[in-house]
């Protein structure tokens, strides 16, 4: 079994995974203590209480839209066991190290990206780590990555309310969260837990996004509500006291572009209200 499979986290010289507690890493604490924190104006978490609702899609599309608006954008893929951001952006290169730390990869638009898949030998290699190791890796993606000057860093969070989200909220200066849901009432109940976690830790919730909200008939253009009445999330958002920013349709063209690593070609007007909400936060 390799070091990585035994529970190592990315740190050794910023070039390959090394166990946070092993001999490779004996100078890590001192080096990190001397580094300046990343120069990031705003940190936004994209969260949900449940997996499979489209947090990575929202993170990627939001990054693209903010970049088009002229902002310097980064994406930290905190979903260590299920990373998908590099695939969506078509990044196949591996992260490199320098005296400044780990260098994030950049997309064609100049969006900076860091993900565990940029450190693994093969992108389909499973990461079999316990919670504290996962949380430590995410912390290192903040402290040990040379992000440079960014206007906004989007954090694609793992589902749930466990070690990694807790570490992000407590260790990074998170300025707000966007909560992603789908129309089913069961999902909305679970998603509510993520919102309550943010409240417990005094993290502002910018708003909610409903993904996979409806489909549009390609022949007649009729909107088809696949999961029933659209009022469910409106009521859930009102009960939580947060605005419903937008509803995103099921769009096969968007799915195809993401699968092909071409998310930067996606044009999604329905995402405009969410991008505008982050834009207002950045202008405060």
C-alpha atoms as a PDB file:
ATOM      1  CA  UNK A   1       0.000   0.000   0.000  1.00  0.00           C
ATOM      2  CA  UNK A   2       1.364   3.416  -0.952  1.00  0.00           C
ATOM      3  CA  UNK A   3       1.854   6.364   1.405  1.00  0.00           C
ATOM      4  CA  UNK A   4      -1.200   7.991  -0.132  1.00  0.00           C
ATOM      5  CA  UNK A   5      -3.451   5.009   0.497  1.00  0.00           C
ATOM      6  CA  UNK A   6      -2.298   4.814   4.098  1.00  0.00           C
ATOM      7  CA  UNK A   7      -3.590   8.298   4.815  1.00  0.00           C
ATOM      8  CA  UNK A   8      -1.029  10.854   3.660  1.00  0.00           C
ATOM      9  CA  UNK A   9      -1.991  14.418   2.867  1.00  0.00           C
ATOM     10  CA  UNK A  10      -0.442  16.704   0.253  1.00  0.00           C
ATOM     11  CA  UNK A  11       2.563  18.586   1.577  1.00  0.00           C
ATOM     12  CA  UNK A  12       6.034  17.253   0.779  1.00  0.00           C
ATOM     13  CA  UNK A  13       7.841  20.191  -0.852  1.00  0.00           C
ATOM     14  CA  UNK A  14       4.505  21.076  -2.441  1.00  0.00           C
ATOM     15  CA  UNK A  15       5.075  18.434  -5.091  1.00  0.00           C
ATOM     16  CA  UNK A  16       3.661  15.121  -3.921  1.00  0.00           C
ATOM     17  CA  UNK A  17       1.549  13.672  -1.131  1.00  0.00           C
ATOM     18  CA  UNK A  18       3.211  13.144   2.229  1.00  0.00           C
ATOM     19  CA  UNK A  19       1.776  12.151   5.576  1.00  0.00           C
ATOM     20  CA  UNK A  20       1.075  15.163   7.789  1.00  0.00           C
ATOM     21  CA  UNK A  21       2.656  13.351  10.710  1.00  0.00           C
ATOM     22  CA  UNK A  22       5.586  11.621   9.016  1.00  0.00           C
ATOM     23  CA  UNK A  23       9.291  12.430   8.768  1.00  0.00           C
ATOM     24  CA  UNK A  24       8.907  14.073   5.338  1.00  0.00           C
ATOM     25  CA  UNK A  25       6.998  16.823   7.002  1.00  0.00           C
ATOM     26  CA  UNK A  26       9.029  17.743  10.094  1.00  0.00           C
ATOM     27  CA  UNK A  27       9.536  21.355   9.007  1.00  0.00           C
ATOM     28  CA  UNK A  28       5.972  21.862   7.809  1.00  0.00           C
ATOM     29  CA  UNK A  29       4.637  23.659  10.889  1.00  0.00           C
ATOM     30  CA  UNK A  30       7.494  26.145  11.025  1.00  0.00           C
ATOM     31  CA  UNK A  31       7.303  26.859   7.284  1.00  0.00           C
ATOM     32  CA  UNK A  32       3.540  27.368   7.403  1.00  0.00           C
ATOM     33  CA  UNK A  33       3.813  29.669  10.411  1.00  0.00           C
ATOM     34  CA  UNK A  34       6.180  31.965   8.491  1.00  0.00           C
ATOM     35  CA  UNK A  35       4.006  32.196   5.388  1.00  0.00           C
ATOM     36  CA  UNK A  36       1.648  35.060   4.799  1.00  0.00           C
ATOM     37  CA  UNK A  37      -2.000  34.048   4.500  1.00  0.00           C
ATOM     38  CA  UNK A  38      -3.454  33.934   0.970  1.00  0.00           C
ATOM     39  CA  UNK A  39      -4.428  37.381  -0.331  1.00  0.00           C
ATOM     40  CA  UNK A  40      -8.065  36.593  -1.053  1.00  0.00           C
ATOM     41  CA  UNK A  41     -10.695  39.316  -0.714  1.00  0.00           C
ATOM     42  CA  UNK A  42     -13.713  37.019  -0.256  1.00  0.00           C
ATOM     43  CA  UNK A  43     -14.122  33.302   0.413  1.00  0.00           C
ATOM     44  CA  UNK A  44     -17.449  31.737  -0.580  1.00  0.00           C
ATOM     45  CA  UNK A  45     -18.453  28.168   0.306  1.00  0.00           C
ATOM     46  CA  UNK A  46     -20.814  26.242  -1.978  1.00  0.00           C
ATOM     47  CA  UNK A  47     -22.545  23.788   0.342  1.00  0.00           C
ATOM     48  CA  UNK A  48     -25.320  21.267   0.750  1.00  0.00           C
ATOM     49  CA  UNK A  49     -26.321  18.694   3.298  1.00  0.00           C
ATOM     50  CA  UNK A  50     -26.549  16.037   0.603  1.00  0.00           C
ATOM     51  CA  UNK A  51     -24.420  14.764  -2.247  1.00  0.00           C
ATOM     52  CA  UNK A  52     -25.423  14.713  -5.882  1.00  0.00           C
ATOM     53  CA  UNK A  53     -27.247  18.038  -5.925  1.00  0.00           C
ATOM     54  CA  UNK A  54     -24.764  19.839  -8.168  1.00  0.00           C
ATOM     55  CA  UNK A  55     -22.411  21.783  -5.885  1.00  0.00           C
ATOM     56  CA  UNK A  56     -19.494  21.271  -8.268  1.00  0.00           C
ATOM     57  CA  UNK A  57     -21.555  22.426 -11.238  1.00  0.00           C
ATOM     58  CA  UNK A  58     -22.628  25.558  -9.358  1.00  0.00           C
ATOM     59  CA  UNK A  59     -19.043  26.206  -8.179  1.00  0.00           C
ATOM     60  CA  UNK A  60     -17.680  25.841 -11.699  1.00  0.00           C
ATOM     61  CA  UNK A  61     -20.366  27.902 -13.431  1.00  0.00           C
ATOM     62  CA  UNK A  62     -20.142  30.623 -10.803  1.00  0.00           C
ATOM     63  CA  UNK A  63     -16.350  30.757 -11.183  1.00  0.00           C
ATOM     64  CA  UNK A  64     -16.704  31.117 -14.952  1.00  0.00           C
ATOM     65  CA  UNK A  65     -19.302  33.884 -14.676  1.00  0.00           C
ATOM     66  CA  UNK A  66     -17.296  35.860 -12.118  1.00  0.00           C
ATOM     67  CA  UNK A  67     -14.189  35.517 -14.283  1.00  0.00           C
ATOM     68  CA  UNK A  68     -16.153  36.893 -17.244  1.00  0.00           C
ATOM     69  CA  UNK A  69     -17.105  39.838 -15.031  1.00  0.00           C
ATOM     70  CA  UNK A  70     -13.404  40.626 -14.640  1.00  0.00           C
ATOM     71  CA  UNK A  71     -12.741  39.140 -11.200  1.00  0.00           C
ATOM     72  CA  UNK A  72      -9.671  37.102 -10.283  1.00  0.00           C
ATOM     73  CA  UNK A  73     -11.149  33.759  -9.281  1.00  0.00           C
ATOM     74  CA  UNK A  74      -9.950  30.564  -7.628  1.00  0.00           C
ATOM     75  CA  UNK A  75     -11.706  27.266  -6.917  1.00  0.00           C
ATOM     76  CA  UNK A  76     -10.663  25.075  -3.989  1.00  0.00           C
ATOM     77  CA  UNK A  77     -12.059  21.574  -4.452  1.00  0.00           C
ATOM     78  CA  UNK A  78     -12.659  20.526  -0.841  1.00  0.00           C
ATOM     79  CA  UNK A  79     -14.503  17.346  -1.804  1.00  0.00           C
ATOM     80  CA  UNK A  80     -11.404  15.202  -1.293  1.00  0.00           C
ATOM     81  CA  UNK A  81     -13.099  11.820  -1.740  1.00  0.00           C
ATOM     82  CA  UNK A  82     -15.223  12.871  -4.724  1.00  0.00           C
ATOM     83  CA  UNK A  83     -13.316  15.569  -6.649  1.00  0.00           C
ATOM     84  CA  UNK A  84     -14.743  16.652  -9.991  1.00  0.00           C
ATOM     85  CA  UNK A  85     -13.602  20.245 -10.554  1.00  0.00           C
ATOM     86  CA  UNK A  86     -10.470  19.390 -12.642  1.00  0.00           C
ATOM     87  CA  UNK A  87     -12.525  17.179 -14.980  1.00  0.00           C
ATOM     88  CA  UNK A  88     -15.137  19.912 -15.501  1.00  0.00           C
ATOM     89  CA  UNK A  89     -12.403  22.412 -16.437  1.00  0.00           C
ATOM     90  CA  UNK A  90     -10.482  19.907 -18.558  1.00  0.00           C
ATOM     91  CA  UNK A  91      -7.352  20.098 -16.396  1.00  0.00           C
ATOM     92  CA  UNK A  92      -5.112  17.069 -16.890  1.00  0.00           C
ATOM     93  CA  UNK A  93      -1.782  18.484 -15.729  1.00  0.00           C
ATOM     94  CA  UNK A  94      -0.524  17.740 -12.224  1.00  0.00           C
ATOM     95  CA  UNK A  95       0.150  20.469  -9.685  1.00  0.00           C
ATOM     96  CA  UNK A  96       3.762  21.543  -9.289  1.00  0.00           C
ATOM     97  CA  UNK A  97       5.703  22.905  -6.356  1.00  0.00           C
ATOM     98  CA  UNK A  98       7.969  25.883  -5.854  1.00  0.00           C
ATOM     99  CA  UNK A  99       9.587  27.731  -2.970  1.00  0.00           C
ATOM    100  CA  UNK A 100       6.241  29.515  -2.562  1.00  0.00           C
ATOM    101  CA  UNK A 101       4.348  26.257  -2.052  1.00  0.00           C
ATOM    102  CA  UNK A 102       2.025  24.217  -4.241  1.00  0.00           C
ATOM    103  CA  UNK A 103       1.175  26.030  -7.478  1.00  0.00           C
ATOM    104  CA  UNK A 104      -2.497  25.808  -8.426  1.00  0.00           C
ATOM    105  CA  UNK A 105      -3.297  24.941 -12.007  1.00  0.00           C
ATOM    106  CA  UNK A 106      -4.897  27.605 -14.179  1.00  0.00           C
ATOM    107  CA  UNK A 107      -7.708  27.164 -16.670  1.00  0.00           C
ATOM    108  CA  UNK A 108      -7.836  28.746 -20.110  1.00  0.00           C
ATOM    109  CA  UNK A 109      -9.653  31.735 -18.562  1.00  0.00           C
ATOM    110  CA  UNK A 110      -7.066  32.080 -15.801  1.00  0.00           C
ATOM    111  CA  UNK A 111      -9.181  30.573 -13.011  1.00  0.00           C
ATOM    112  CA  UNK A 112      -6.882  29.029 -10.396  1.00  0.00           C
ATOM    113  CA  UNK A 113      -7.796  25.504  -9.284  1.00  0.00           C
ATOM    114  CA  UNK A 114      -6.566  23.165  -6.570  1.00  0.00           C
ATOM    115  CA  UNK A 115      -7.923  19.649  -6.095  1.00  0.00           C
ATOM    116  CA  UNK A 116      -6.642  16.370  -4.728  1.00  0.00           C
ATOM    117  CA  UNK A 117      -6.903  14.976  -8.270  1.00  0.00           C
ATOM    118  CA  UNK A 118      -4.079  17.315  -9.270  1.00  0.00           C
ATOM    119  CA  UNK A 119      -1.832  15.433  -6.849  1.00  0.00           C
ATOM    120  CA  UNK A 120      -2.916  11.847  -7.472  1.00  0.00           C
ATOM    121  CA  UNK A 121      -1.111   9.710 -10.044  1.00  0.00           C
ATOM    122  CA  UNK A 122      -4.433   8.630 -11.551  1.00  0.00           C
ATOM    123  CA  UNK A 123      -7.661  10.621 -11.325  1.00  0.00           C
ATOM    124  CA  UNK A 124      -9.706   7.497 -10.548  1.00  0.00           C
ATOM    125  CA  UNK A 125      -7.471   6.552  -7.601  1.00  0.00           C
ATOM    126  CA  UNK A 126      -9.638   6.419  -4.449  1.00  0.00           C
ATOM    127  CA  UNK A 127      -8.726   8.511  -1.428  1.00  0.00           C
ATOM    128  CA  UNK A 128      -9.305   6.274   1.580  1.00  0.00           C
ATOM    129  CA  UNK A 129      -8.657   8.607   4.502  1.00  0.00           C
ATOM    130  CA  UNK A 130     -10.312   9.197   7.844  1.00  0.00           C
ATOM    131  CA  UNK A 131     -12.034  12.491   8.625  1.00  0.00           C
ATOM    132  CA  UNK A 132      -9.160  14.313  10.389  1.00  0.00           C
ATOM    133  CA  UNK A 133      -6.782  13.549   7.488  1.00  0.00           C
ATOM    134  CA  UNK A 134      -9.350  14.833   4.981  1.00  0.00           C
ATOM    135  CA  UNK A 135      -9.787  18.010   7.005  1.00  0.00           C
ATOM    136  CA  UNK A 136      -6.010  18.454   7.270  1.00  0.00           C
ATOM    137  CA  UNK A 137      -5.630  18.167   3.500  1.00  0.00           C
ATOM    138  CA  UNK A 138      -8.220  20.900   2.936  1.00  0.00           C
ATOM    139  CA  UNK A 139      -6.435  23.145   5.439  1.00  0.00           C
ATOM    140  CA  UNK A 140      -3.190  22.613   3.509  1.00  0.00           C
ATOM    141  CA  UNK A 141      -4.969  23.563   0.281  1.00  0.00           C
ATOM    142  CA  UNK A 142      -5.497  26.947   1.958  1.00  0.00           C
ATOM    143  CA  UNK A 143      -2.172  27.423   3.748  1.00  0.00           C
ATOM    144  CA  UNK A 144       0.269  25.687   1.392  1.00  0.00           C
ATOM    145  CA  UNK A 145      -1.080  26.676  -2.025  1.00  0.00           C
ATOM    146  CA  UNK A 146       0.298  29.812  -3.656  1.00  0.00           C
ATOM    147  CA  UNK A 147      -3.056  31.338  -4.582  1.00  0.00           C
ATOM    148  CA  UNK A 148      -1.626  34.790  -5.174  1.00  0.00           C
ATOM    149  CA  UNK A 149      -4.018  37.752  -5.263  1.00  0.00           C
ATOM    150  CA  UNK A 150      -7.644  36.710  -5.757  1.00  0.00           C
ATOM    151  CA  UNK A 151     -10.875  38.635  -5.604  1.00  0.00           C
ATOM    152  CA  UNK A 152     -12.850  35.523  -4.675  1.00  0.00           C
ATOM    153  CA  UNK A 153     -12.087  31.922  -3.771  1.00  0.00           C
ATOM    154  CA  UNK A 154     -14.976  29.503  -4.225  1.00  0.00           C
ATOM    155  CA  UNK A 155     -14.843  26.372  -2.070  1.00  0.00           C
ATOM    156  CA  UNK A 156     -16.617  23.338  -3.511  1.00  0.00           C
ATOM    157  CA  UNK A 157     -17.539  21.661  -0.225  1.00  0.00           C
ATOM    158  CA  UNK A 158     -18.177  17.974   0.375  1.00  0.00           C
ATOM    159  CA  UNK A 159     -21.732  17.019   1.335  1.00  0.00           C
ATOM    160  CA  UNK A 160     -22.851  16.895   4.935  1.00  0.00           C
ATOM    161  CA  UNK A 161     -21.858  18.631   8.142  1.00  0.00           C
ATOM    162  CA  UNK A 162     -18.794  16.636   9.192  1.00  0.00           C
ATOM    163  CA  UNK A 163     -15.076  17.211   9.689  1.00  0.00           C
ATOM    164  CA  UNK A 164     -14.266  18.966   6.426  1.00  0.00           C
ATOM    165  CA  UNK A 165     -17.043  21.613   6.444  1.00  0.00           C
ATOM    166  CA  UNK A 166     -16.368  22.251  10.127  1.00  0.00           C
ATOM    167  CA  UNK A 167     -12.654  22.706   9.451  1.00  0.00           C
ATOM    168  CA  UNK A 168     -13.334  25.050   6.533  1.00  0.00           C
ATOM    169  CA  UNK A 169     -15.642  27.216   8.632  1.00  0.00           C
ATOM    170  CA  UNK A 170     -13.297  27.304  11.608  1.00  0.00           C
ATOM    171  CA  UNK A 171      -9.945  27.588   9.804  1.00  0.00           C
ATOM    172  CA  UNK A 172     -10.692  29.731   6.756  1.00  0.00           C
ATOM    173  CA  UNK A 173     -12.158  33.213   6.763  1.00  0.00           C
ATOM    174  CA  UNK A 174     -15.410  32.262   5.033  1.00  0.00           C
ATOM    175  CA  UNK A 175     -17.415  35.352   4.097  1.00  0.00           C
ATOM    176  CA  UNK A 176     -20.582  33.583   3.025  1.00  0.00           C
ATOM    177  CA  UNK A 177     -22.135  30.406   1.699  1.00  0.00           C
ATOM    178  CA  UNK A 178     -24.418  29.474  -1.165  1.00  0.00           C
ATOM    179  CA  UNK A 179     -26.662  26.507  -0.426  1.00  0.00           C
ATOM    180  CA  UNK A 180     -27.527  24.149  -3.287  1.00  0.00           C
ATOM    181  CA  UNK A 181     -30.605  21.936  -3.319  1.00  0.00           C
ATOM    182  CA  UNK A 182     -32.844  20.003  -5.678  1.00  0.00           C
ATOM    183  CA  UNK A 183     -36.663  20.169  -5.711  1.00  0.00           C
ATOM    184  CA  UNK A 184     -37.445  17.092  -3.611  1.00  0.00           C
ATOM    185  CA  UNK A 185     -38.707  17.860  -0.115  1.00  0.00           C
ATOM    186  CA  UNK A 186     -36.479  15.146   1.394  1.00  0.00           C
ATOM    187  CA  UNK A 187     -33.400  16.833  -0.079  1.00  0.00           C
ATOM    188  CA  UNK A 188     -34.582  20.210   1.169  1.00  0.00           C
ATOM    189  CA  UNK A 189     -34.879  18.823   4.693  1.00  0.00           C
ATOM    190  CA  UNK A 190     -31.297  17.546   4.589  1.00  0.00           C
ATOM    191  CA  UNK A 191     -30.057  20.752   2.949  1.00  0.00           C
ATOM    192  CA  UNK A 192     -31.572  22.679   5.838  1.00  0.00           C
ATOM    193  CA  UNK A 193     -28.990  21.063   8.093  1.00  0.00           C
ATOM    194  CA  UNK A 194     -26.182  22.726   6.125  1.00  0.00           C
ATOM    195  CA  UNK A 195     -27.872  26.087   6.532  1.00  0.00           C
ATOM    196  CA  UNK A 196     -28.283  25.552  10.266  1.00  0.00           C
ATOM    197  CA  UNK A 197     -24.613  24.563  10.556  1.00  0.00           C
ATOM    198  CA  UNK A 198     -23.625  27.868   8.920  1.00  0.00           C
ATOM    199  CA  UNK A 199     -25.895  29.696  11.374  1.00  0.00           C
ATOM    200  CA  UNK A 200     -24.304  27.908  14.334  1.00  0.00           C
ATOM    201  CA  UNK A 201     -20.867  29.086  13.177  1.00  0.00           C
ATOM    202  CA  UNK A 202     -22.055  32.621  12.312  1.00  0.00           C
ATOM    203  CA  UNK A 203     -21.396  32.237   8.572  1.00  0.00           C
ATOM    204  CA  UNK A 204     -23.756  34.375   6.448  1.00  0.00           C
ATOM    205  CA  UNK A 205     -25.866  32.516   3.884  1.00  0.00           C
ATOM    206  CA  UNK A 206     -25.961  34.472   0.626  1.00  0.00           C
ATOM    207  CA  UNK A 207     -28.874  32.481  -0.738  1.00  0.00           C
ATOM    208  CA  UNK A 208     -30.084  29.165  -2.121  1.00  0.00           C
ATOM    209  CA  UNK A 209     -29.924  27.709  -5.619  1.00  0.00           C
ATOM    210  CA  UNK A 210     -32.294  25.012  -6.827  1.00  0.00           C
ATOM    211  CA  UNK A 211     -30.536  22.735  -9.319  1.00  0.00           C
ATOM    212  CA  UNK A 212     -32.267  20.256 -11.662  1.00  0.00           C
ATOM    213  CA  UNK A 213     -35.377  22.315 -11.091  1.00  0.00           C
ATOM    214  CA  UNK A 214     -37.127  21.546 -14.363  1.00  0.00           C
ATOM    215  CA  UNK A 215     -36.616  20.400 -17.948  1.00  0.00           C
ATOM    216  CA  UNK A 216     -37.559  22.219 -21.123  1.00  0.00           C
ATOM    217  CA  UNK A 217     -39.181  20.239 -23.938  1.00  0.00           C
ATOM    218  CA  UNK A 218     -36.904  20.538 -26.995  1.00  0.00           C
ATOM    219  CA  UNK A 219     -39.917  20.428 -29.343  1.00  0.00           C
ATOM    220  CA  UNK A 220     -42.458  22.815 -27.832  1.00  0.00           C
ATOM    221  CA  UNK A 221     -40.399  24.684 -25.229  1.00  0.00           C
ATOM    222  CA  UNK A 222     -42.798  23.775 -22.416  1.00  0.00           C
ATOM    223  CA  UNK A 223     -41.291  23.735 -18.931  1.00  0.00           C
ATOM    224  CA  UNK A 224     -41.696  20.328 -17.274  1.00  0.00           C
ATOM    225  CA  UNK A 225     -41.609  20.249 -13.480  1.00  0.00           C
ATOM    226  CA  UNK A 226     -40.143  16.764 -13.020  1.00  0.00           C
ATOM    227  CA  UNK A 227     -40.381  16.796  -9.226  1.00  0.00           C
ATOM    228  CA  UNK A 228     -43.767  18.447  -8.795  1.00  0.00           C
ATOM    229  CA  UNK A 229     -44.740  21.925  -7.678  1.00  0.00           C
ATOM    230  CA  UNK A 230     -41.990  24.585  -7.785  1.00  0.00           C
ATOM    231  CA  UNK A 231     -43.216  26.209  -4.579  1.00  0.00           C
ATOM    232  CA  UNK A 232     -41.466  23.744  -2.273  1.00  0.00           C
ATOM    233  CA  UNK A 233     -38.045  25.363  -2.165  1.00  0.00           C
ATOM    234  CA  UNK A 234     -39.549  28.843  -2.063  1.00  0.00           C
ATOM    235  CA  UNK A 235     -41.298  27.887   1.169  1.00  0.00           C
ATOM    236  CA  UNK A 236     -38.189  26.122   2.496  1.00  0.00           C
ATOM    237  CA  UNK A 237     -36.027  29.166   1.724  1.00  0.00           C
ATOM    238  CA  UNK A 238     -38.589  31.490   3.328  1.00  0.00           C
ATOM    239  CA  UNK A 239     -38.707  29.283   6.432  1.00  0.00           C
ATOM    240  CA  UNK A 240     -34.910  29.440   6.621  1.00  0.00           C
ATOM    241  CA  UNK A 241     -34.896  33.196   6.094  1.00  0.00           C
ATOM    242  CA  UNK A 242     -32.664  33.135   3.004  1.00  0.00           C
ATOM    243  CA  UNK A 243     -33.386  34.278  -0.556  1.00  0.00           C
ATOM    244  CA  UNK A 244     -33.921  31.783  -3.358  1.00  0.00           C
ATOM    245  CA  UNK A 245     -31.387  33.102  -5.854  1.00  0.00           C
ATOM    246  CA  UNK A 246     -32.287  31.068  -8.923  1.00  0.00           C
ATOM    247  CA  UNK A 247     -33.566  27.817 -10.385  1.00  0.00           C
ATOM    248  CA  UNK A 248     -31.311  25.908 -12.769  1.00  0.00           C
ATOM    249  CA  UNK A 249     -32.873  23.639 -15.404  1.00  0.00           C
ATOM    250  CA  UNK A 250     -31.687  20.223 -16.466  1.00  0.00           C
ATOM    251  CA  UNK A 251     -29.680  21.036 -19.565  1.00  0.00           C
ATOM    252  CA  UNK A 252     -28.071  18.236 -21.611  1.00  0.00           C
ATOM    253  CA  UNK A 253     -25.755  20.713 -23.356  1.00  0.00           C
ATOM    254  CA  UNK A 254     -24.351  21.883 -20.002  1.00  0.00           C
ATOM    255  CA  UNK A 255     -23.895  18.277 -18.887  1.00  0.00           C
ATOM    256  CA  UNK A 256     -22.082  17.441 -22.126  1.00  0.00           C
ATOM    257  CA  UNK A 257     -19.727  20.421 -21.889  1.00  0.00           C
ATOM    258  CA  UNK A 258     -18.851  19.569 -18.278  1.00  0.00           C
ATOM    259  CA  UNK A 259     -18.173  15.951 -19.205  1.00  0.00           C
ATOM    260  CA  UNK A 260     -15.901  17.165 -22.011  1.00  0.00           C
ATOM    261  CA  UNK A 261     -13.991  19.509 -19.696  1.00  0.00           C
ATOM    262  CA  UNK A 262     -15.448  22.582 -21.387  1.00  0.00           C
ATOM    263  CA  UNK A 263     -17.361  24.230 -18.546  1.00  0.00           C
ATOM    264  CA  UNK A 264     -15.808  27.558 -19.552  1.00  0.00           C
ATOM    265  CA  UNK A 265     -17.933  27.415 -22.717  1.00  0.00           C
ATOM    266  CA  UNK A 266     -21.167  27.134 -20.747  1.00  0.00           C
ATOM    267  CA  UNK A 267     -23.575  30.048 -21.050  1.00  0.00           C
ATOM    268  CA  UNK A 268     -26.246  29.835 -18.351  1.00  0.00           C
ATOM    269  CA  UNK A 269     -28.355  32.951 -17.988  1.00  0.00           C
ATOM    270  CA  UNK A 270     -30.202  31.365 -15.076  1.00  0.00           C
ATOM    271  CA  UNK A 271     -26.992  31.713 -13.021  1.00  0.00           C
ATOM    272  CA  UNK A 272     -26.991  35.511 -13.395  1.00  0.00           C
ATOM    273  CA  UNK A 273     -28.796  36.207 -10.064  1.00  0.00           C
ATOM    274  CA  UNK A 274     -26.264  34.104  -8.135  1.00  0.00           C
ATOM    275  CA  UNK A 275     -23.313  35.828  -9.834  1.00  0.00           C
ATOM    276  CA  UNK A 276     -24.928  39.202  -9.124  1.00  0.00           C
ATOM    277  CA  UNK A 277     -25.283  38.299  -5.432  1.00  0.00           C
ATOM    278  CA  UNK A 278     -21.554  37.509  -5.180  1.00  0.00           C
ATOM    279  CA  UNK A 279     -20.765  40.632  -7.202  1.00  0.00           C
ATOM    280  CA  UNK A 280     -22.626  42.748  -4.619  1.00  0.00           C
ATOM    281  CA  UNK A 281     -20.665  41.087  -1.821  1.00  0.00           C
ATOM    282  CA  UNK A 282     -17.392  41.823  -3.603  1.00  0.00           C
ATOM    283  CA  UNK A 283     -18.337  45.482  -3.989  1.00  0.00           C
ATOM    284  CA  UNK A 284     -19.102  45.981  -0.302  1.00  0.00           C
END
